[in-house]
Amino acid sequence: MCRLAYGSPVARDTEETDEGEATAEDESTSGDLSSDVLESRGRATPLASSRFAAVTNRFVHMVELVAAAVFALLFAIGVVDLMIQIVQATQAGRITDPLVVIGFIDTGLLLLIIVEVYETVIAYTEESETRRIVRLVIYTGVIAMVRKTIIFRTGEYATSTDALLAATAYAVLILGLVGLLLVERGESRQLMD
């Protein structure tokens, strides 16, 4: 049985195609390809399993790209919608109403969340380092919590105790996310030094 090392030169009775896949040079000398083994990440896997994994990886990559396109489309629609809201509020004379302005800010922050989610999906498709992906997720969380804090209304809660509990929870979450962000930035600086 011939063993192929994943990402290394191919065994003696195979040749490498333009796509990097090993193929049999002569079936009579190589035997049944399904019995060949590919070493992947320290464990031996049948070649058929490796091919299936490659196909599913390509499928997942395509789905990630479709998701990125959906988020980009949502962002574009949201920007157009925000501009329409601003024009309508200006024409109606409500542009100075604090609740209307808070609504604009809420929509703008929601658009920033969409952008951060888009960036996270793109980072996954580019197989970026984990630190970058974690940083994007933290940014998304901070923006989401700031958005919740800006639109926070005590009147939406049954009692003032419920409102205080929600406000405390928001504050703790924001402080935790900012703390994570500061720790991550500090570690990034240490790695650069």
N, C-alpha and C. Protein backbone atom coordinates (compact mmCIF):
# COMPACT_ATOMS: atom_id res chain seq x y z
N MET A 1 0.85 -1.18 0.00
CA MET A 1 0.00 0.00 0.00
C MET A 1 0.89 1.23 0.00
N CYS A 2 0.57 2.18 -0.83
CA CYS A 2 1.34 3.41 -0.97
C CYS A 2 0.79 4.46 -0.02
N ARG A 3 1.64 5.22 0.64
CA ARG A 3 1.18 6.27 1.56
C ARG A 3 1.52 7.62 0.95
N LEU A 4 0.55 8.50 0.94
CA LEU A 4 0.76 9.84 0.41
C LEU A 4 0.76 10.82 1.57
N ALA A 5 1.73 11.66 1.62
CA ALA A 5 1.78 12.67 2.68
C ALA A 5 1.09 13.92 2.18
N TYR A 6 0.11 14.39 2.91
CA TYR A 6 -0.67 15.57 2.56
C TYR A 6 0.23 16.79 2.56
N GLY A 7 0.34 17.46 1.40
CA GLY A 7 1.15 18.67 1.31
C GLY A 7 2.63 18.41 1.13
N SER A 8 3.03 17.14 0.95
CA SER A 8 4.44 16.82 0.74
C SER A 8 4.60 16.14 -0.60
N PRO A 9 5.83 15.89 -1.04
CA PRO A 9 6.02 15.21 -2.33
C PRO A 9 5.26 13.88 -2.35
N VAL A 10 4.78 13.54 -3.51
CA VAL A 10 3.94 12.36 -3.67
C VAL A 10 4.81 11.11 -3.78
N ALA A 11 4.26 9.98 -3.38
CA ALA A 11 4.98 8.71 -3.41
C ALA A 11 5.43 8.35 -4.82
N ARG A 12 6.32 7.37 -4.95
CA ARG A 12 7.00 7.07 -6.20
C ARG A 12 6.10 6.66 -7.35
N ASP A 13 4.96 6.01 -7.10
CA ASP A 13 4.15 5.53 -8.21
C ASP A 13 2.94 6.42 -8.49
N THR A 14 3.03 7.68 -8.11
CA THR A 14 1.96 8.63 -8.41
C THR A 14 2.57 9.89 -8.98
N GLU A 15 1.76 10.66 -9.64
CA GLU A 15 2.22 11.97 -10.10
C GLU A 15 1.23 13.02 -9.63
N GLU A 16 1.68 14.28 -9.58
CA GLU A 16 0.83 15.34 -9.06
C GLU A 16 0.22 16.10 -10.24
N THR A 17 -1.10 16.36 -10.17
CA THR A 17 -1.77 17.12 -11.22
C THR A 17 -1.61 18.60 -10.93
N ASP A 18 -2.11 19.44 -11.86
CA ASP A 18 -2.05 20.89 -11.68
C ASP A 18 -2.78 21.32 -10.42
N GLU A 19 -3.79 20.59 -10.00
CA GLU A 19 -4.58 20.96 -8.84
C GLU A 19 -3.99 20.42 -7.54
N GLY A 20 -2.87 19.75 -7.59
CA GLY A 20 -2.23 19.26 -6.38
C GLY A 20 -2.74 17.91 -5.92
N GLU A 21 -3.58 17.24 -6.71
CA GLU A 21 -4.08 15.93 -6.31
C GLU A 21 -3.18 14.85 -6.88
N ALA A 22 -2.97 13.82 -6.11
CA ALA A 22 -2.14 12.71 -6.58
C ALA A 22 -2.99 11.79 -7.43
N THR A 23 -2.43 11.36 -8.58
CA THR A 23 -3.13 10.42 -9.45
C THR A 23 -2.21 9.26 -9.74
N ALA A 24 -2.79 8.15 -10.10
CA ALA A 24 -1.98 6.96 -10.39
C ALA A 24 -1.30 7.13 -11.74
N GLU A 25 -0.01 6.81 -11.77
CA GLU A 25 0.74 6.88 -13.01
C GLU A 25 0.40 5.66 -13.88
N ASP A 26 0.30 4.52 -13.24
CA ASP A 26 -0.01 3.28 -13.94
C ASP A 26 -0.83 2.44 -12.98
N GLU A 27 -2.11 2.22 -13.30
CA GLU A 27 -2.97 1.51 -12.37
C GLU A 27 -2.47 0.12 -12.06
N SER A 28 -1.75 -0.49 -12.98
CA SER A 28 -1.27 -1.85 -12.72
C SER A 28 -0.22 -1.87 -11.63
N THR A 29 0.54 -0.79 -11.45
CA THR A 29 1.56 -0.78 -10.41
C THR A 29 1.06 -0.17 -9.11
N SER A 30 0.08 0.72 -9.22
CA SER A 30 -0.37 1.39 -8.00
C SER A 30 -1.47 0.64 -7.29
N GLY A 31 -2.19 -0.24 -7.96
CA GLY A 31 -3.26 -0.97 -7.32
C GLY A 31 -4.51 -0.12 -7.23
N ASP A 32 -5.41 -0.52 -6.39
CA ASP A 32 -6.68 0.17 -6.21
C ASP A 32 -6.46 1.47 -5.44
N LEU A 33 -6.81 2.61 -6.05
CA LEU A 33 -6.61 3.91 -5.39
C LEU A 33 -7.40 4.03 -4.10
N SER A 34 -8.55 3.37 -4.01
CA SER A 34 -9.35 3.48 -2.79
C SER A 34 -8.65 2.87 -1.59
N SER A 35 -7.66 2.01 -1.84
CA SER A 35 -6.94 1.42 -0.71
C SER A 35 -5.73 2.27 -0.33
N ASP A 36 -5.39 3.27 -1.18
CA ASP A 36 -4.30 4.17 -0.83
C ASP A 36 -4.71 5.00 0.38
N VAL A 37 -3.72 5.52 1.06
CA VAL A 37 -3.99 6.28 2.28
C VAL A 37 -3.33 7.64 2.17
N LEU A 38 -3.99 8.65 2.65
CA LEU A 38 -3.47 10.00 2.68
C LEU A 38 -3.26 10.38 4.13
N GLU A 39 -2.07 10.86 4.47
CA GLU A 39 -1.83 11.29 5.84
C GLU A 39 -2.27 12.73 5.97
N SER A 40 -3.26 12.97 6.77
CA SER A 40 -3.80 14.31 6.93
C SER A 40 -3.86 14.65 8.41
N ARG A 41 -3.14 15.69 8.79
CA ARG A 41 -3.13 16.16 10.17
C ARG A 41 -2.76 15.06 11.15
N GLY A 42 -1.77 14.27 10.79
CA GLY A 42 -1.25 13.28 11.71
C GLY A 42 -2.00 11.98 11.77
N ARG A 43 -3.03 11.81 10.97
CA ARG A 43 -3.76 10.54 10.99
C ARG A 43 -3.96 10.07 9.56
N ALA A 44 -3.96 8.77 9.39
CA ALA A 44 -4.12 8.20 8.06
C ALA A 44 -5.61 8.13 7.74
N THR A 45 -5.98 8.62 6.55
CA THR A 45 -7.37 8.55 6.11
C THR A 45 -7.40 8.00 4.70
N PRO A 46 -8.43 7.26 4.36
CA PRO A 46 -8.54 6.76 3.00
C PRO A 46 -8.62 7.92 2.01
N LEU A 47 -8.08 7.71 0.82
CA LEU A 47 -8.06 8.75 -0.20
C LEU A 47 -9.48 9.20 -0.55
N ALA A 48 -10.43 8.27 -0.58
CA ALA A 48 -11.82 8.62 -0.88
C ALA A 48 -12.36 9.59 0.16
N SER A 49 -12.03 9.37 1.43
CA SER A 49 -12.47 10.28 2.49
C SER A 49 -11.86 11.66 2.30
N SER A 50 -10.60 11.69 1.88
CA SER A 50 -9.93 12.97 1.66
C SER A 50 -10.59 13.74 0.52
N ARG A 51 -10.95 13.01 -0.53
CA ARG A 51 -11.62 13.67 -1.65
C ARG A 51 -12.99 14.18 -1.22
N PHE A 52 -13.71 13.39 -0.44
CA PHE A 52 -15.02 13.83 0.05
C PHE A 52 -14.86 15.07 0.93
N ALA A 53 -13.85 15.07 1.78
CA ALA A 53 -13.59 16.23 2.64
C ALA A 53 -13.27 17.46 1.80
N ALA A 54 -12.52 17.28 0.72
CA ALA A 54 -12.19 18.41 -0.15
C ALA A 54 -13.44 18.97 -0.81
N VAL A 55 -14.34 18.08 -1.25
CA VAL A 55 -15.58 18.52 -1.88
C VAL A 55 -16.45 19.26 -0.88
N THR A 56 -16.58 18.73 0.33
CA THR A 56 -17.41 19.40 1.33
C THR A 56 -16.78 20.73 1.76
N ASN A 57 -15.45 20.78 1.81
CA ASN A 57 -14.79 22.05 2.14
C ASN A 57 -15.07 23.11 1.07
N ARG A 58 -15.03 22.70 -0.19
CA ARG A 58 -15.36 23.64 -1.27
C ARG A 58 -16.81 24.10 -1.17
N PHE A 59 -17.71 23.17 -0.82
CA PHE A 59 -19.12 23.53 -0.67
C PHE A 59 -19.30 24.54 0.46
N VAL A 60 -18.67 24.27 1.61
CA VAL A 60 -18.77 25.19 2.75
C VAL A 60 -18.20 26.56 2.38
N HIS A 61 -17.09 26.56 1.65
CA HIS A 61 -16.49 27.83 1.21
C HIS A 61 -17.46 28.61 0.33
N MET A 62 -18.14 27.92 -0.58
CA MET A 62 -19.11 28.59 -1.45
C MET A 62 -20.28 29.14 -0.64
N VAL A 63 -20.76 28.38 0.35
CA VAL A 63 -21.85 28.85 1.20
C VAL A 63 -21.41 30.09 1.99
N GLU A 64 -20.17 30.09 2.47
CA GLU A 64 -19.64 31.26 3.18
C GLU A 64 -19.64 32.48 2.26
N LEU A 65 -19.24 32.30 1.01
CA LEU A 65 -19.23 33.42 0.06
C LEU A 65 -20.64 33.91 -0.23
N VAL A 66 -21.60 32.99 -0.33
CA VAL A 66 -23.00 33.39 -0.52
C VAL A 66 -23.48 34.18 0.69
N ALA A 67 -23.13 33.72 1.89
CA ALA A 67 -23.51 34.44 3.11
C ALA A 67 -22.91 35.84 3.11
N ALA A 68 -21.66 35.96 2.70
CA ALA A 68 -21.02 37.28 2.63
C ALA A 68 -21.77 38.18 1.65
N ALA A 69 -22.17 37.63 0.51
CA ALA A 69 -22.92 38.41 -0.47
C ALA A 69 -24.27 38.86 0.09
N VAL A 70 -24.93 37.98 0.84
CA VAL A 70 -26.22 38.34 1.46
C VAL A 70 -26.03 39.49 2.44
N PHE A 71 -24.98 39.42 3.27
CA PHE A 71 -24.73 40.51 4.22
C PHE A 71 -24.38 41.81 3.50
N ALA A 72 -23.63 41.73 2.41
CA ALA A 72 -23.32 42.94 1.64
C ALA A 72 -24.60 43.54 1.05
N LEU A 73 -25.49 42.69 0.56
CA LEU A 73 -26.77 43.16 0.03
C LEU A 73 -27.62 43.79 1.13
N LEU A 74 -27.68 43.14 2.30
CA LEU A 74 -28.42 43.71 3.43
C LEU A 74 -27.88 45.08 3.81
N PHE A 75 -26.56 45.22 3.81
CA PHE A 75 -25.94 46.50 4.15
C PHE A 75 -26.36 47.57 3.14
N ALA A 76 -26.29 47.24 1.86
CA ALA A 76 -26.67 48.21 0.82
C ALA A 76 -28.13 48.63 0.96
N ILE A 77 -29.01 47.65 1.18
CA ILE A 77 -30.43 47.96 1.36
C ILE A 77 -30.63 48.83 2.59
N GLY A 78 -29.91 48.51 3.67
CA GLY A 78 -30.02 49.28 4.91
C GLY A 78 -29.57 50.72 4.75
N VAL A 79 -28.50 50.94 3.99
CA VAL A 79 -28.01 52.31 3.76
C VAL A 79 -29.05 53.11 2.97
N VAL A 80 -29.61 52.51 1.94
CA VAL A 80 -30.64 53.18 1.15
C VAL A 80 -31.85 53.48 2.03
N ASP A 81 -32.26 52.51 2.85
CA ASP A 81 -33.40 52.71 3.75
C ASP A 81 -33.14 53.84 4.74
N LEU A 82 -31.94 53.90 5.29
CA LEU A 82 -31.59 54.97 6.24
C LEU A 82 -31.65 56.33 5.55
N MET A 83 -31.15 56.42 4.34
CA MET A 83 -31.21 57.69 3.61
C MET A 83 -32.66 58.10 3.35
N ILE A 84 -33.51 57.15 3.00
CA ILE A 84 -34.93 57.44 2.78
C ILE A 84 -35.57 57.93 4.07
N GLN A 85 -35.26 57.27 5.20
CA GLN A 85 -35.81 57.70 6.49
C GLN A 85 -35.39 59.13 6.83
N ILE A 86 -34.13 59.45 6.58
CA ILE A 86 -33.63 60.80 6.88
C ILE A 86 -34.33 61.84 6.00
N VAL A 87 -34.49 61.55 4.71
CA VAL A 87 -35.17 62.48 3.81
C VAL A 87 -36.62 62.67 4.25
N GLN A 88 -37.31 61.58 4.58
CA GLN A 88 -38.71 61.68 5.00
C GLN A 88 -38.85 62.46 6.30
N ALA A 89 -37.95 62.23 7.25
CA ALA A 89 -38.00 62.96 8.52
C ALA A 89 -37.70 64.44 8.31
N THR A 90 -36.82 64.75 7.40
CA THR A 90 -36.50 66.15 7.10
C THR A 90 -37.69 66.84 6.45
N GLN A 91 -38.33 66.19 5.50
CA GLN A 91 -39.49 66.77 4.82
C GLN A 91 -40.66 66.95 5.78
N ALA A 92 -40.80 66.05 6.74
CA ALA A 92 -41.91 66.14 7.70
C ALA A 92 -41.59 67.07 8.87
N GLY A 93 -40.36 67.57 8.95
CA GLY A 93 -39.98 68.46 10.04
C GLY A 93 -39.69 67.75 11.35
N ARG A 94 -39.49 66.44 11.30
CA ARG A 94 -39.23 65.67 12.53
C ARG A 94 -37.75 65.38 12.73
N ILE A 95 -36.90 65.98 11.93
CA ILE A 95 -35.47 65.68 11.98
C ILE A 95 -34.84 66.09 13.31
N THR A 96 -35.45 67.03 14.02
CA THR A 96 -34.90 67.47 15.31
C THR A 96 -35.49 66.72 16.49
N ASP A 97 -36.44 65.83 16.25
CA ASP A 97 -37.03 65.03 17.33
C ASP A 97 -35.99 64.03 17.84
N PRO A 98 -35.68 64.09 19.15
CA PRO A 98 -34.65 63.18 19.69
C PRO A 98 -34.94 61.70 19.43
N LEU A 99 -36.20 61.30 19.50
CA LEU A 99 -36.53 59.89 19.26
C LEU A 99 -36.26 59.49 17.81
N VAL A 100 -36.49 60.41 16.89
CA VAL A 100 -36.21 60.13 15.48
C VAL A 100 -34.71 60.00 15.26
N VAL A 101 -33.94 60.91 15.88
CA VAL A 101 -32.49 60.86 15.76
C VAL A 101 -31.95 59.57 16.37
N ILE A 102 -32.50 59.17 17.52
CA ILE A 102 -32.08 57.90 18.14
C ILE A 102 -32.41 56.73 17.21
N GLY A 103 -33.52 56.82 16.51
CA GLY A 103 -33.86 55.78 15.52
C GLY A 103 -32.83 55.71 14.41
N PHE A 104 -32.34 56.88 13.96
CA PHE A 104 -31.29 56.89 12.94
C PHE A 104 -30.01 56.25 13.47
N ILE A 105 -29.66 56.62 14.70
CA ILE A 105 -28.45 56.05 15.31
C ILE A 105 -28.60 54.53 15.44
N ASP A 106 -29.78 54.09 15.86
CA ASP A 106 -30.04 52.65 15.99
C ASP A 106 -29.85 51.94 14.65
N THR A 107 -30.41 52.51 13.60
CA THR A 107 -30.26 51.91 12.28
C THR A 107 -28.80 51.92 11.83
N GLY A 108 -28.11 53.03 12.08
CA GLY A 108 -26.69 53.11 11.72
C GLY A 108 -25.85 52.08 12.43
N LEU A 109 -26.11 51.88 13.73
CA LEU A 109 -25.36 50.88 14.49
C LEU A 109 -25.70 49.47 14.01
N LEU A 110 -26.95 49.25 13.65
CA LEU A 110 -27.33 47.95 13.09
C LEU A 110 -26.57 47.69 11.78
N LEU A 111 -26.40 48.73 10.98
CA LEU A 111 -25.63 48.60 9.75
C LEU A 111 -24.17 48.28 10.05
N LEU A 112 -23.61 48.89 11.10
CA LEU A 112 -22.24 48.57 11.50
C LEU A 112 -22.11 47.11 11.95
N ILE A 113 -23.14 46.61 12.64
CA ILE A 113 -23.14 45.21 13.05
C ILE A 113 -23.13 44.31 11.81
N ILE A 114 -23.93 44.67 10.82
CA ILE A 114 -23.96 43.88 9.58
C ILE A 114 -22.58 43.89 8.92
N VAL A 115 -21.91 45.04 8.91
CA VAL A 115 -20.57 45.13 8.33
C VAL A 115 -19.59 44.25 9.10
N GLU A 116 -19.67 44.25 10.43
CA GLU A 116 -18.76 43.43 11.23
C GLU A 116 -19.01 41.94 11.00
N VAL A 117 -20.28 41.55 10.87
CA VAL A 117 -20.60 40.15 10.58
C VAL A 117 -20.06 39.79 9.19
N TYR A 118 -20.23 40.69 8.23
CA TYR A 118 -19.68 40.48 6.89
C TYR A 118 -18.16 40.28 6.96
N GLU A 119 -17.48 41.15 7.70
CA GLU A 119 -16.02 41.05 7.84
C GLU A 119 -15.63 39.71 8.48
N THR A 120 -16.43 39.25 9.45
CA THR A 120 -16.15 37.97 10.09
C THR A 120 -16.28 36.82 9.09
N VAL A 121 -17.34 36.85 8.29
CA VAL A 121 -17.53 35.81 7.28
C VAL A 121 -16.38 35.83 6.27
N ILE A 122 -15.96 37.01 5.84
CA ILE A 122 -14.84 37.12 4.90
C ILE A 122 -13.56 36.59 5.55
N ALA A 123 -13.36 36.89 6.83
CA ALA A 123 -12.17 36.39 7.53
C ALA A 123 -12.17 34.86 7.55
N TYR A 124 -13.35 34.26 7.74
CA TYR A 124 -13.45 32.79 7.69
C TYR A 124 -13.11 32.28 6.30
N THR A 125 -13.63 32.92 5.25
CA THR A 125 -13.38 32.43 3.90
C THR A 125 -11.91 32.57 3.52
N GLU A 126 -11.26 33.59 4.04
CA GLU A 126 -9.83 33.78 3.76
C GLU A 126 -8.96 32.98 4.73
N GLU A 127 -9.61 32.25 5.63
CA GLU A 127 -8.92 31.45 6.64
C GLU A 127 -7.90 32.30 7.39
N SER A 128 -8.37 33.47 7.84
CA SER A 128 -7.53 34.39 8.60
C SER A 128 -7.16 33.77 9.93
N GLU A 129 -6.19 34.39 10.58
CA GLU A 129 -5.78 33.89 11.88
C GLU A 129 -6.93 34.05 12.87
N THR A 130 -6.96 33.19 13.85
CA THR A 130 -8.04 33.16 14.83
C THR A 130 -8.14 34.48 15.58
N ARG A 131 -7.01 35.13 15.85
CA ARG A 131 -7.02 36.39 16.58
C ARG A 131 -7.86 37.44 15.86
N ARG A 132 -7.72 37.51 14.54
CA ARG A 132 -8.48 38.50 13.77
C ARG A 132 -9.97 38.20 13.84
N ILE A 133 -10.33 36.94 13.74
CA ILE A 133 -11.74 36.56 13.80
C ILE A 133 -12.32 36.88 15.17
N VAL A 134 -11.58 36.55 16.23
CA VAL A 134 -12.05 36.83 17.59
C VAL A 134 -12.21 38.34 17.77
N ARG A 135 -11.27 39.12 17.27
CA ARG A 135 -11.35 40.58 17.38
C ARG A 135 -12.61 41.09 16.70
N LEU A 136 -12.92 40.58 15.51
CA LEU A 136 -14.12 41.00 14.79
C LEU A 136 -15.39 40.64 15.57
N VAL A 137 -15.40 39.46 16.17
CA VAL A 137 -16.56 39.04 16.96
C VAL A 137 -16.73 39.96 18.18
N ILE A 138 -15.61 40.33 18.82
CA ILE A 138 -15.69 41.24 19.97
C ILE A 138 -16.20 42.60 19.53
N TYR A 139 -15.70 43.12 18.41
CA TYR A 139 -16.19 44.41 17.90
C TYR A 139 -17.69 44.35 17.65
N THR A 140 -18.15 43.26 17.06
CA THR A 140 -19.57 43.10 16.79
C THR A 140 -20.36 43.12 18.09
N GLY A 141 -19.87 42.42 19.11
CA GLY A 141 -20.54 42.41 20.41
C GLY A 141 -20.58 43.79 21.05
N VAL A 142 -19.48 44.52 20.98
CA VAL A 142 -19.45 45.87 21.56
C VAL A 142 -20.46 46.77 20.85
N ILE A 143 -20.47 46.74 19.52
CA ILE A 143 -21.42 47.57 18.78
C ILE A 143 -22.85 47.19 19.12
N ALA A 144 -23.14 45.89 19.21
CA ALA A 144 -24.50 45.44 19.54
C ALA A 144 -24.92 45.92 20.92
N MET A 145 -24.01 45.85 21.89
CA MET A 145 -24.37 46.28 23.24
C MET A 145 -24.50 47.80 23.34
N VAL A 146 -23.67 48.53 22.63
CA VAL A 146 -23.81 49.99 22.61
C VAL A 146 -25.15 50.36 21.98
N ARG A 147 -25.52 49.66 20.93
CA ARG A 147 -26.82 49.89 20.29
C ARG A 147 -27.96 49.65 21.28
N LYS A 148 -27.89 48.53 22.01
CA LYS A 148 -28.94 48.23 23.00
C LYS A 148 -28.99 49.32 24.08
N THR A 149 -27.83 49.83 24.46
CA THR A 149 -27.78 50.86 25.50
C THR A 149 -28.38 52.17 24.99
N ILE A 150 -28.08 52.52 23.75
CA ILE A 150 -28.60 53.78 23.20
C ILE A 150 -30.12 53.75 23.09
N ILE A 151 -30.69 52.63 22.68
CA ILE A 151 -32.15 52.56 22.52
C ILE A 151 -32.85 52.10 23.79
N PHE A 152 -32.12 51.99 24.89
CA PHE A 152 -32.68 51.53 26.16
C PHE A 152 -33.75 52.51 26.65
N ARG A 153 -34.91 52.01 26.99
CA ARG A 153 -36.02 52.81 27.53
C ARG A 153 -36.55 52.11 28.77
N THR A 154 -36.58 52.83 29.88
CA THR A 154 -37.09 52.22 31.12
C THR A 154 -38.57 51.92 31.02
N GLY A 155 -39.30 52.65 30.19
CA GLY A 155 -40.73 52.44 30.04
C GLY A 155 -41.09 51.11 29.40
N GLU A 156 -40.12 50.44 28.79
CA GLU A 156 -40.38 49.16 28.15
C GLU A 156 -40.42 48.01 29.14
N TYR A 157 -40.11 48.29 30.41
CA TYR A 157 -40.05 47.24 31.42
C TYR A 157 -41.21 47.40 32.39
N ALA A 158 -41.67 46.27 32.93
CA ALA A 158 -42.84 46.28 33.82
C ALA A 158 -42.58 47.07 35.09
N THR A 159 -41.40 46.92 35.66
CA THR A 159 -41.07 47.63 36.90
C THR A 159 -39.72 48.31 36.75
N SER A 160 -39.46 49.25 37.65
CA SER A 160 -38.16 49.93 37.62
C SER A 160 -37.04 48.96 38.01
N THR A 161 -37.37 47.94 38.82
CA THR A 161 -36.37 46.93 39.18
C THR A 161 -35.94 46.14 37.95
N ASP A 162 -36.90 45.80 37.10
CA ASP A 162 -36.57 45.09 35.85
C ASP A 162 -35.67 45.95 34.96
N ALA A 163 -35.99 47.24 34.88
CA ALA A 163 -35.18 48.15 34.06
C ALA A 163 -33.77 48.28 34.63
N LEU A 164 -33.66 48.37 35.95
CA LEU A 164 -32.34 48.47 36.59
C LEU A 164 -31.53 47.19 36.36
N LEU A 165 -32.19 46.05 36.47
CA LEU A 165 -31.52 44.77 36.24
C LEU A 165 -31.00 44.69 34.79
N ALA A 166 -31.83 45.10 33.83
CA ALA A 166 -31.42 45.08 32.42
C ALA A 166 -30.26 46.05 32.19
N ALA A 167 -30.33 47.24 32.78
CA ALA A 167 -29.25 48.22 32.62
C ALA A 167 -27.95 47.70 33.21
N THR A 168 -28.04 47.04 34.36
CA THR A 168 -26.84 46.47 34.98
C THR A 168 -26.25 45.37 34.10
N ALA A 169 -27.11 44.54 33.55
CA ALA A 169 -26.64 43.47 32.66
C ALA A 169 -25.95 44.05 31.43
N TYR A 170 -26.53 45.10 30.84
CA TYR A 170 -25.90 45.75 29.69
C TYR A 170 -24.53 46.30 30.06
N ALA A 171 -24.45 46.96 31.22
CA ALA A 171 -23.18 47.55 31.66
C ALA A 171 -22.12 46.48 31.87
N VAL A 172 -22.50 45.37 32.50
CA VAL A 172 -21.54 44.28 32.76
C VAL A 172 -21.06 43.69 31.43
N LEU A 173 -21.98 43.47 30.50
CA LEU A 173 -21.60 42.92 29.19
C LEU A 173 -20.67 43.86 28.42
N ILE A 174 -20.99 45.15 28.44
CA ILE A 174 -20.13 46.11 27.74
C ILE A 174 -18.75 46.15 28.37
N LEU A 175 -18.69 46.22 29.69
CA LEU A 175 -17.38 46.23 30.37
C LEU A 175 -16.60 44.96 30.09
N GLY A 176 -17.28 43.82 30.08
CA GLY A 176 -16.61 42.55 29.78
C GLY A 176 -16.05 42.52 28.36
N LEU A 177 -16.84 42.99 27.40
CA LEU A 177 -16.38 43.01 26.01
C LEU A 177 -15.22 43.99 25.81
N VAL A 178 -15.32 45.16 26.44
CA VAL A 178 -14.22 46.13 26.35
C VAL A 178 -12.97 45.56 27.01
N GLY A 179 -13.14 44.87 28.15
CA GLY A 179 -12.01 44.22 28.81
C GLY A 179 -11.35 43.19 27.91
N LEU A 180 -12.16 42.37 27.25
CA LEU A 180 -11.62 41.38 26.29
C LEU A 180 -10.85 42.07 25.16
N LEU A 181 -11.41 43.16 24.68
CA LEU A 181 -10.76 43.89 23.60
C LEU A 181 -9.41 44.46 24.05
N LEU A 182 -9.36 45.01 25.26
CA LEU A 182 -8.10 45.56 25.78
C LEU A 182 -7.06 44.46 25.99
N VAL A 183 -7.49 43.32 26.52
CA VAL A 183 -6.57 42.20 26.72
C VAL A 183 -6.03 41.72 25.38
N GLU A 184 -6.91 41.59 24.40
CA GLU A 184 -6.50 41.12 23.07
C GLU A 184 -5.52 42.10 22.44
N ARG A 185 -5.78 43.40 22.57
CA ARG A 185 -4.86 44.40 22.01
C ARG A 185 -3.52 44.37 22.71
N GLY A 186 -3.54 44.18 24.04
CA GLY A 186 -2.29 44.10 24.79
C GLY A 186 -1.46 42.91 24.36
N GLU A 187 -2.11 41.76 24.15
CA GLU A 187 -1.40 40.57 23.69
C GLU A 187 -0.87 40.75 22.28
N SER A 188 -1.62 41.46 21.43
CA SER A 188 -1.14 41.71 20.06
C SER A 188 0.12 42.56 20.09
N ARG A 189 0.16 43.56 20.96
CA ARG A 189 1.35 44.41 21.06
C ARG A 189 2.54 43.61 21.56
N GLN A 190 2.31 42.70 22.52
CA GLN A 190 3.40 41.88 23.04
C GLN A 190 3.96 40.97 21.96
N LEU A 191 3.10 40.45 21.10
CA LEU A 191 3.55 39.58 20.02
C LEU A 191 4.37 40.35 18.99
N MET A 192 4.04 41.64 18.79
CA MET A 192 4.76 42.45 17.82
C MET A 192 6.15 42.85 18.34
N ASP A 193 6.29 42.96 19.65
CA ASP A 193 7.58 43.36 20.23
C ASP A 193 8.61 42.28 20.19
